[in-house]
Protein backbone atom coordinates (compact mmCIF):
# COMPACT_ATOMS: atom_id res chain seq x y z
CA MET A 1 0.00 0.01 0.00
CA GLN A 2 1.26 3.45 -0.92
CA ALA A 3 0.12 6.85 0.36
CA LYS A 4 0.82 10.24 -1.18
CA LEU A 5 -0.07 13.71 0.04
CA ALA A 6 -0.65 16.09 -2.90
CA PRO A 7 0.37 19.74 -2.29
CA GLN A 8 -2.67 21.96 -1.88
CA PRO A 9 -3.16 25.67 -1.18
CA GLY A 10 -4.25 27.08 2.19
CA ASP A 11 -6.58 24.91 4.21
CA SER A 12 -7.17 22.24 1.54
CA LEU A 13 -6.03 18.60 1.69
CA LYS A 14 -5.83 15.94 -1.01
CA PHE A 15 -4.57 12.55 0.00
CA HIS A 16 -4.06 9.46 -2.25
CA ILE A 17 -3.98 5.94 -0.89
CA GLN A 18 -3.09 3.24 -3.38
CA SER A 19 -3.63 -0.35 -2.29
CA PHE A 20 -3.11 -3.48 -4.38
CA ASP A 21 -6.29 -3.17 -6.34
CA ALA A 22 -7.95 0.11 -5.31
CA HIS A 23 -7.18 3.78 -5.39
CA TRP A 24 -8.61 5.88 -2.57
CA ILE A 25 -8.78 9.69 -2.64
CA TYR A 26 -9.51 11.92 0.36
CA ILE A 27 -10.32 15.58 -0.41
CA ALA A 28 -10.91 17.76 2.61
CA LYS A 29 -10.56 21.11 4.35
CA TYR A 30 -9.19 22.05 7.71
CA ASN A 31 -11.24 24.15 10.15
CA ALA A 32 -8.74 25.80 12.51
CA ASP A 33 -11.41 26.99 14.95
CA LYS A 34 -12.91 23.52 15.40
CA ARG A 35 -9.55 21.74 14.84
CA GLU A 36 -11.35 19.43 12.39
CA ILE A 37 -10.61 18.07 8.96
CA THR A 38 -13.82 17.48 6.97
CA GLY A 39 -14.04 15.92 3.58
CA THR A 40 -15.01 12.99 1.36
CA LEU A 41 -13.23 9.66 0.82
CA SER A 42 -13.84 8.11 -2.58
CA VAL A 43 -12.79 5.01 -4.47
CA ALA A 44 -11.67 5.81 -8.02
CA GLY A 45 -13.91 4.23 -10.62
CA ALA A 46 -16.26 2.58 -8.12
CA GLY A 47 -18.64 5.41 -7.47
CA ILE A 48 -18.17 5.14 -3.69
CA LYS A 49 -18.09 8.34 -1.67
CA ILE A 50 -17.89 8.39 2.11
CA PRO A 51 -18.06 11.51 4.31
CA LEU A 52 -15.03 11.47 6.62
CA GLN A 53 -14.31 13.81 9.50
CA LEU A 54 -11.00 13.75 11.39
CA LYS A 55 -10.45 15.14 14.91
CA PRO A 56 -7.47 15.01 17.28
CA ILE A 57 -7.84 12.39 20.04
CA ASP A 58 -5.83 10.92 22.89
CA PRO A 59 -4.46 7.65 21.52
CA GLN A 60 -4.49 6.05 24.96
CA ALA A 61 -8.16 6.83 25.35
CA VAL A 62 -9.11 4.64 22.41
CA ARG A 63 -6.34 2.05 22.67
CA PRO A 64 -8.15 -1.30 22.66
CA LEU A 65 -7.52 -4.15 25.07
CA ARG A 66 -5.21 -6.90 23.78
CA PRO A 67 -5.12 -9.46 26.66
CA GLN A 68 -3.20 -12.10 24.72
CA THR A 69 -0.13 -9.89 24.22
CA PRO A 70 2.66 -11.58 26.26
CA GLN A 71 3.93 -9.64 29.27
CA PRO A 72 7.29 -10.12 31.04
CA PRO A 73 8.68 -11.90 32.87
CA TYR A 74 8.89 -14.65 30.26
CA PRO A 75 9.85 -18.28 31.04
CA TYR A 76 12.29 -18.15 28.13
CA ARG A 77 15.07 -16.02 26.66
CA GLU A 78 14.78 -13.28 24.06
CA TRP A 79 17.44 -11.28 22.25
CA PRO A 80 17.77 -9.06 19.15
CA VAL A 81 19.20 -10.38 15.88
CA ASN A 82 20.46 -8.49 12.82
CA PHE A 83 21.35 -10.06 9.44
CA ASN A 84 21.83 -9.10 5.83
CA GLY A 85 18.92 -9.44 3.50
CA SER A 86 19.00 -10.64 -0.08
CA VAL A 87 20.51 -7.53 -1.68
CA PRO A 88 22.96 -4.76 -0.63
CA GLY A 89 21.26 -2.08 1.46
CA VAL A 90 18.78 -4.50 3.03
CA ARG A 91 19.76 -5.12 6.66
CA LEU A 92 17.05 -6.93 8.58
CA SER A 93 16.38 -6.66 12.30
CA GLY A 94 14.39 -9.06 14.41
CA SER A 95 14.10 -11.03 17.63
CA ILE A 96 14.73 -14.61 18.67
CA THR A 97 12.87 -16.20 21.52
CA ALA A 98 14.29 -19.51 22.76
CA PRO A 99 13.87 -21.94 25.67
CA LYS A 100 16.30 -21.67 28.55
CA GLY A 101 19.20 -24.13 28.56
CA LYS A 102 21.84 -25.27 26.13
CA LYS A 103 20.31 -28.31 24.51
CA LYS A 104 19.56 -28.36 20.77
CA VAL A 105 15.96 -27.26 19.94
CA PRO A 106 13.88 -27.11 16.77
CA GLY A 107 13.50 -23.66 15.15
CA VAL A 108 10.71 -21.71 13.51
CA VAL A 109 10.85 -18.65 11.21
CA LEU A 110 7.70 -16.52 10.90
CA LEU A 111 6.86 -14.79 7.57
CA SER A 112 4.17 -12.11 7.45
CA GLY A 113 1.53 -11.38 4.83
CA SER A 114 1.14 -8.57 2.33
CA GLY A 115 1.60 -5.02 3.54
CA PRO A 116 4.42 -3.71 5.66
CA HIS A 117 4.75 -5.54 8.99
CA ASN A 118 7.11 -5.33 11.90
CA ARG A 119 8.50 -8.41 13.67
CA ASP A 120 5.34 -8.78 15.75
CA GLY A 121 3.14 -8.95 12.61
CA GLU A 122 1.41 -5.96 14.20
CA GLN A 123 -1.89 -4.61 12.83
CA PHE A 124 -4.98 -3.19 14.52
CA TYR A 125 -2.83 -3.11 17.67
CA HIS A 126 -2.67 -6.86 17.57
CA LYS A 127 0.82 -8.42 17.83
CA THR A 128 -0.04 -11.62 16.02
CA PHE A 129 3.45 -12.99 15.64
CA ARG A 130 4.39 -12.02 19.22
CA VAL A 131 1.53 -14.15 20.47
CA LEU A 132 2.43 -17.07 18.14
CA ALA A 133 6.13 -16.88 19.02
CA ASP A 134 5.25 -16.94 22.72
CA GLU A 135 3.10 -20.06 22.28
CA LEU A 136 5.75 -21.92 20.28
CA THR A 137 8.68 -20.92 22.47
CA ARG A 138 6.82 -22.17 25.54
CA ARG A 139 6.49 -25.45 23.67
CA GLY A 140 10.29 -25.71 23.20
CA PHE A 141 10.93 -23.99 19.83
CA ALA A 142 13.39 -21.24 19.04
CA VAL A 143 11.48 -18.67 17.02
CA LEU A 144 12.80 -15.90 14.80
CA ARG A 145 10.53 -13.07 13.69
CA TYR A 146 11.74 -9.93 11.91
CA ASP A 147 10.79 -6.51 10.61
CA GLU A 148 10.31 -6.60 6.87
CA ARG A 149 12.65 -4.51 4.76
CA GLY A 150 11.93 -0.83 5.20
CA VAL A 151 9.83 -1.45 8.32
CA GLY A 152 10.73 -0.85 11.98
CA ALA A 153 14.49 -1.29 12.53
CA SER A 154 15.10 -2.96 9.17
CA ALA A 155 16.78 -1.09 6.33
CA GLY A 156 15.71 -1.18 2.72
CA ASN A 157 12.70 -0.22 0.68
CA TYR A 158 9.41 -2.05 1.14
CA THR A 159 7.49 -0.41 -1.70
CA GLY A 160 7.66 -2.32 -4.98
CA THR A 161 9.33 -5.38 -3.53
CA THR A 162 8.01 -8.62 -5.09
CA ILE A 163 7.18 -11.97 -3.51
CA ALA A 164 10.39 -13.48 -4.92
CA GLU A 165 12.49 -10.76 -3.28
CA PHE A 166 10.74 -11.15 0.03
CA ALA A 167 11.39 -14.90 -0.25
CA GLN A 168 15.12 -14.20 -0.54
CA ASP A 169 14.92 -12.21 2.71
CA ALA A 170 13.14 -15.17 4.26
CA LYS A 171 15.98 -17.45 3.24
CA ALA A 172 18.36 -15.05 4.96
CA ALA A 173 16.22 -15.30 8.07
CA VAL A 174 16.34 -19.10 8.08
CA LYS A 175 20.14 -18.94 7.72
CA ALA A 176 20.37 -16.41 10.57
CA LEU A 177 18.40 -18.69 12.96
CA ARG A 178 20.50 -21.72 12.06
CA SER A 179 23.77 -19.86 12.56
CA ASP A 180 23.01 -17.92 15.74
CA ARG A 181 25.65 -18.98 18.25
CA ARG A 182 23.47 -18.15 21.26
CA ILE A 183 21.31 -21.18 20.64
CA LYS A 184 21.73 -24.64 19.16
CA VAL A 185 19.07 -25.02 16.53
CA GLY A 186 18.21 -28.31 14.88
CA LYS A 187 15.58 -28.65 12.15
CA VAL A 188 13.90 -25.39 11.07
CA TYR A 189 10.21 -25.03 10.17
CA VAL A 190 8.75 -22.07 8.33
CA ILE A 191 5.34 -20.50 9.01
CA GLY A 192 3.90 -18.10 6.42
CA HIS A 193 0.74 -16.04 6.73
CA SER A 194 -1.15 -15.23 3.49
CA GLN A 195 1.50 -13.86 1.12
CA GLY A 196 4.10 -15.31 3.54
CA SER A 197 2.87 -18.80 2.52
CA LEU A 198 4.09 -18.15 -1.03
CA GLU A 199 7.47 -17.00 0.33
CA ALA A 200 7.61 -20.15 2.52
CA GLN A 201 6.92 -22.27 -0.59
CA ILE A 202 9.90 -20.70 -2.40
CA VAL A 203 12.13 -21.19 0.63
CA ALA A 204 11.27 -24.87 1.08
CA ALA A 205 11.46 -25.61 -2.66
CA ASP A 206 15.04 -24.26 -2.76
CA ASP A 207 16.17 -25.52 0.66
CA PRO A 208 15.71 -29.29 1.25
CA ASP A 209 16.85 -28.89 4.87
CA VAL A 210 13.64 -27.04 5.85
CA ALA A 211 11.79 -29.59 7.94
CA GLY A 212 8.19 -28.55 7.38
CA LEU A 213 5.79 -25.75 6.51
CA VAL A 214 2.70 -24.13 8.02
CA PHE A 215 0.50 -21.99 5.84
CA LEU A 216 -1.85 -19.63 7.68
CA ALA A 217 -4.62 -18.32 5.38
CA GLY A 218 -2.29 -19.54 2.62
CA VAL A 219 -2.34 -19.29 -1.15
CA GLY A 220 -2.08 -22.14 -3.69
CA LEU A 221 -3.77 -20.80 -6.81
CA PRO A 222 -2.02 -18.88 -9.62
CA GLY A 223 -2.24 -15.12 -9.19
CA VAL A 224 -5.11 -14.31 -11.51
CA GLU A 225 -7.24 -17.21 -10.29
CA SER A 226 -6.41 -16.35 -6.70
CA ARG A 227 -7.51 -12.73 -7.06
CA LYS A 228 -10.74 -13.77 -8.79
CA ALA A 229 -11.49 -16.28 -6.04
CA GLN A 230 -10.64 -13.71 -3.35
CA TYR A 231 -13.17 -11.20 -4.76
CA ARG A 232 -15.85 -13.88 -4.84
CA ALA A 233 -15.03 -14.88 -1.24
CA THR A 234 -15.52 -11.22 -0.24
CA LEU A 235 -18.89 -11.11 -1.95
CA LYS A 236 -19.95 -14.36 -0.31
CA ALA A 237 -19.06 -13.09 3.13
CA ARG A 238 -21.10 -9.91 2.53
CA GLY A 239 -24.10 -11.93 1.37
CA ILE A 240 -23.90 -10.53 -2.18
CA THR A 241 -24.58 -12.95 -5.07
CA GLU A 242 -22.32 -13.04 -8.06
CA GLU A 243 -25.28 -12.09 -10.22
CA ALA A 244 -25.85 -8.90 -8.18
CA ALA A 245 -22.14 -8.01 -8.56
CA LYS A 246 -21.99 -8.98 -12.19
CA GLU A 247 -20.61 -5.63 -13.44
CA ASP A 248 -17.97 -5.37 -10.72
CA LEU A 249 -16.87 -8.98 -11.35
CA LEU A 250 -16.52 -8.26 -15.07
CA MET A 251 -14.33 -5.22 -14.38
CA TYR A 252 -12.04 -6.94 -11.95
CA ASP A 253 -11.85 -10.26 -13.77
CA LYS A 254 -11.05 -8.55 -17.06
CA SER A 255 -8.43 -6.33 -15.44
CA TYR A 256 -6.69 -9.29 -13.80
CA GLU A 257 -6.73 -11.20 -17.08
CA ILE A 258 -5.28 -8.33 -19.10
CA VAL A 259 -2.43 -7.74 -16.61
CA GLY A 260 -1.83 -11.46 -16.18
CA ALA A 261 -1.44 -11.90 -19.95
CA ALA A 262 0.86 -8.91 -20.51
CA PRO A 263 4.63 -9.51 -20.74
CA ASP A 264 5.47 -6.32 -18.87
CA SER A 265 3.79 -3.47 -16.99
CA ALA A 266 4.06 -1.05 -19.93
CA THR A 267 2.11 -3.45 -22.11
CA ALA A 268 -0.40 -4.03 -19.31
CA LEU A 269 -0.91 -0.28 -19.00
CA ALA A 270 -1.46 0.16 -22.75
CA ASN A 271 -3.89 -2.75 -22.94
CA LEU A 272 -5.90 -1.57 -19.97
CA GLN A 273 -6.11 1.92 -21.43
CA GLN A 274 -7.23 0.49 -24.78
CA TRP A 275 -9.98 -1.56 -23.09
CA HIS A 276 -11.21 1.42 -21.13
CA LYS A 277 -11.49 3.38 -24.32
CA GLU A 278 -13.55 0.57 -25.84
CA ILE A 279 -15.98 0.60 -22.94
CA GLU A 280 -15.93 4.41 -22.87
CA MET A 281 -14.78 4.79 -19.27
CA ASP A 282 -14.18 8.34 -18.09
CA PRO A 283 -10.39 8.98 -18.62
CA GLN A 284 -10.06 10.53 -15.16
CA TYR A 285 -11.39 7.44 -13.46
CA SER A 286 -9.54 5.15 -15.92
CA ASN A 287 -6.12 6.51 -14.90
CA MET A 288 -6.85 6.14 -11.17
CA TYR A 289 -8.34 2.71 -11.62
CA ILE A 290 -5.41 1.40 -13.66
CA ALA A 291 -2.60 2.59 -11.35
CA PRO A 292 -2.82 -0.20 -8.77
CA PHE A 293 -2.97 -2.93 -11.44
CA THR A 294 0.34 -1.94 -13.00
CA GLY A 295 2.22 -1.56 -9.73
CA ASN A 296 5.26 -3.80 -9.28
CA TRP A 297 3.79 -5.97 -6.53
CA LEU A 298 0.44 -6.75 -8.09
CA PHE A 299 1.89 -7.20 -11.60
CA TYR A 300 4.29 -9.81 -10.22
CA PHE A 301 1.60 -11.49 -8.18
CA LEU A 302 -0.72 -11.83 -11.11
CA HIS A 303 2.07 -13.58 -13.03
CA PHE A 304 2.99 -15.84 -10.09
CA ASP A 305 2.11 -19.56 -10.12
CA PRO A 306 2.77 -21.50 -6.87
CA LYS A 307 2.54 -24.88 -8.56
CA PRO A 308 6.20 -25.25 -9.67
CA ASN A 309 7.35 -24.59 -6.12
CA LEU A 310 4.71 -26.84 -4.56
CA ASN A 311 5.85 -29.64 -6.93
CA ARG A 312 9.39 -29.45 -5.46
CA ILE A 313 8.38 -29.46 -1.73
CA LYS A 314 9.02 -32.86 -0.13
CA VAL A 315 8.38 -32.06 3.53
CA PRO A 316 5.20 -32.17 5.64
CA VAL A 317 2.80 -29.23 5.16
CA LEU A 318 -0.02 -27.99 7.40
CA ALA A 319 -2.52 -25.48 6.01
CA VAL A 320 -4.73 -23.66 8.53
CA SER A 321 -7.46 -21.21 7.60
CA GLY A 322 -10.75 -19.99 9.02
CA ASN A 323 -14.23 -20.24 7.56
CA LYS A 324 -14.68 -16.48 8.23
CA ASP A 325 -11.74 -15.59 5.93
CA THR A 326 -13.04 -13.03 3.44
CA GLN A 327 -9.66 -12.48 1.74
CA VAL A 328 -8.90 -16.07 0.72
CA PHE A 329 -11.27 -18.61 -0.89
CA VAL A 330 -10.18 -21.31 1.51
CA GLU A 331 -11.45 -24.44 -0.19
CA LYS A 332 -10.07 -23.55 -3.61
CA GLU A 333 -6.66 -22.54 -2.17
CA PHE A 334 -6.45 -25.80 -0.16
CA ALA A 335 -7.34 -27.87 -3.22
CA ALA A 336 -4.61 -26.12 -5.28
CA MET A 337 -2.01 -26.65 -2.55
CA LYS A 338 -2.84 -30.33 -2.25
CA ALA A 339 -2.79 -30.84 -6.00
CA GLY A 340 0.55 -29.05 -6.37
CA LEU A 341 2.19 -31.08 -3.63
CA GLN A 342 0.79 -34.41 -4.85
CA ALA A 343 1.91 -33.68 -8.40
CA GLY A 344 5.42 -33.72 -7.02
CA GLY A 345 4.86 -36.90 -5.07
CA ASN A 346 4.28 -35.33 -1.68
CA GLN A 347 1.32 -36.88 0.23
CA GLN A 348 2.21 -35.20 3.53
CA PHE A 349 -0.51 -32.50 3.42
CA GLN A 350 -2.92 -31.77 6.22
CA SER A 351 -5.49 -28.99 6.16
CA VAL A 352 -7.65 -27.55 8.92
CA ILE A 353 -10.52 -25.05 8.57
CA LEU A 354 -11.19 -23.39 11.90
CA PRO A 355 -14.87 -22.45 12.49
CA GLY A 356 -15.49 -18.78 13.19
CA VAL A 357 -11.94 -17.71 12.45
CA ASN A 358 -11.00 -14.84 10.08
CA HIS A 359 -8.05 -14.09 7.76
CA PHE A 360 -5.97 -12.89 10.73
CA MET A 361 -6.50 -16.07 12.71
CA GLN A 362 -8.95 -14.51 15.19
CA THR A 363 -12.31 -15.74 16.37
CA ALA A 364 -14.68 -13.35 14.54
CA LYS A 365 -18.35 -12.71 13.84
CA THR A 366 -18.31 -11.42 10.27
CA GLY A 367 -14.74 -11.73 8.95
CA ALA A 368 -14.93 -8.16 7.64
CA TYR A 369 -11.60 -6.50 7.03
CA ASP A 370 -12.10 -3.78 9.64
CA GLU A 371 -13.48 -6.10 12.34
CA PRO A 372 -10.12 -7.05 13.88
CA PHE A 373 -9.79 -3.61 15.55
CA GLN A 374 -12.92 -4.28 17.58
CA LEU A 375 -11.82 -7.78 18.65
CA GLN A 376 -9.84 -8.31 21.84
CA GLU A 377 -8.59 -11.73 20.78
CA THR A 378 -5.31 -11.61 18.80
CA PHE A 379 -5.02 -15.29 17.84
CA SER A 380 -7.55 -18.07 18.06
CA PRO A 381 -6.63 -20.45 20.91
CA ALA A 382 -7.83 -23.33 18.75
CA GLY A 383 -5.49 -22.15 16.02
CA LEU A 384 -2.55 -21.90 18.41
CA GLN A 385 -3.23 -25.39 19.59
CA VAL A 386 -3.51 -26.91 16.08
CA ILE A 387 -0.25 -25.21 15.00
CA GLY A 388 1.59 -26.02 18.22
CA ASP A 389 0.46 -29.68 18.34
CA TRP A 390 1.40 -30.26 14.69
CA LEU A 391 4.87 -28.75 15.05
CA THR A 392 5.47 -30.65 18.30
CA GLN A 393 4.49 -33.88 16.59
CA GLN A 394 6.77 -33.15 13.62
CA ALA A 395 9.71 -32.37 15.94
CA GLN A 396 9.13 -35.62 17.78
CA ILE A 397 9.14 -37.53 14.54
CA GLU A 398 12.43 -35.91 13.58
CA ASN A 399 13.96 -36.85 16.96
CA GLN A 400 12.90 -40.50 16.42
CA ARG A 401 14.71 -40.57 13.08
CA LYS A 402 18.06 -39.75 14.72
């Protein structure tokens, strides 16, 4: 996601927010007497306009409760770790939590989803990876989590980085955990959330020493199919039939197909512009609508097919998702993961759909994107148990092989 503040005269404000497949514009004015910013938030090309008023508040007054966030003292050790990323200028910073003692322990590396995340996987004041790391470390695993490039204490540029580049950073993280002299780490497992599942697939396909994978709200479909399925999952969660959203589906499906078929972003841009001329879309909306589709991240994603990597993975895989996930079409993604692994001869696939759990692994009512802020729970206890039990079982199997 990118945000840009456009220079405006006097008391006016124009703010652009570009996400992976939407372009938001906020036009407003500042009232100095009332200390208010009042304006309209719109979605380019979608005809959506929302009145939005901003006022200064005390952050502590609205800070929500997050009872699962671990509090010291901890029954384990924790220390900072710094390591080089995949290219010059990318220096990654993170934390390792590990059981006390000097015996060799299994390791886990956590990979976050799309959007800039710090080492705790923090969003909506929830420290998702902090909670998961705490659970796994208490079970006897050494866990490395890190700030993504350009986030927190990590150097580098997040914007425009592709899944393949993030995967190279993930490989560096696995290497850093294995080589840390403050702990003896045996087999390393990789857990990836959403986009992080794709990074985990690349890591395991290239590194036969990775012992196992856990996909949280993971992806197995090719980019274009995945985005189409995702939009339909969102409609389903909102109770909207595909027939009622026929025009929107046509727009998004066609856009994904055009970009997915283009050899480069310049061609994608030209083909989208030509199509918009054919359907007589307003040029002003056309330019704003097109921008996210030709961005580096989404262009790469729409050309990305997980199958070749899944074919090469030979280790056990656990896929965990929730039936309230409105960002991933769970059943279709699971089927694609299973098919990709089995095509390469891997039968070690287990999938779990958690009832009442959303994309962020929380017990939820609706699964709506903005609901997590209202939820006190950071990570479903059932989800923590499923992941912890599976990893513990895998580690025990590894020990028996020695």
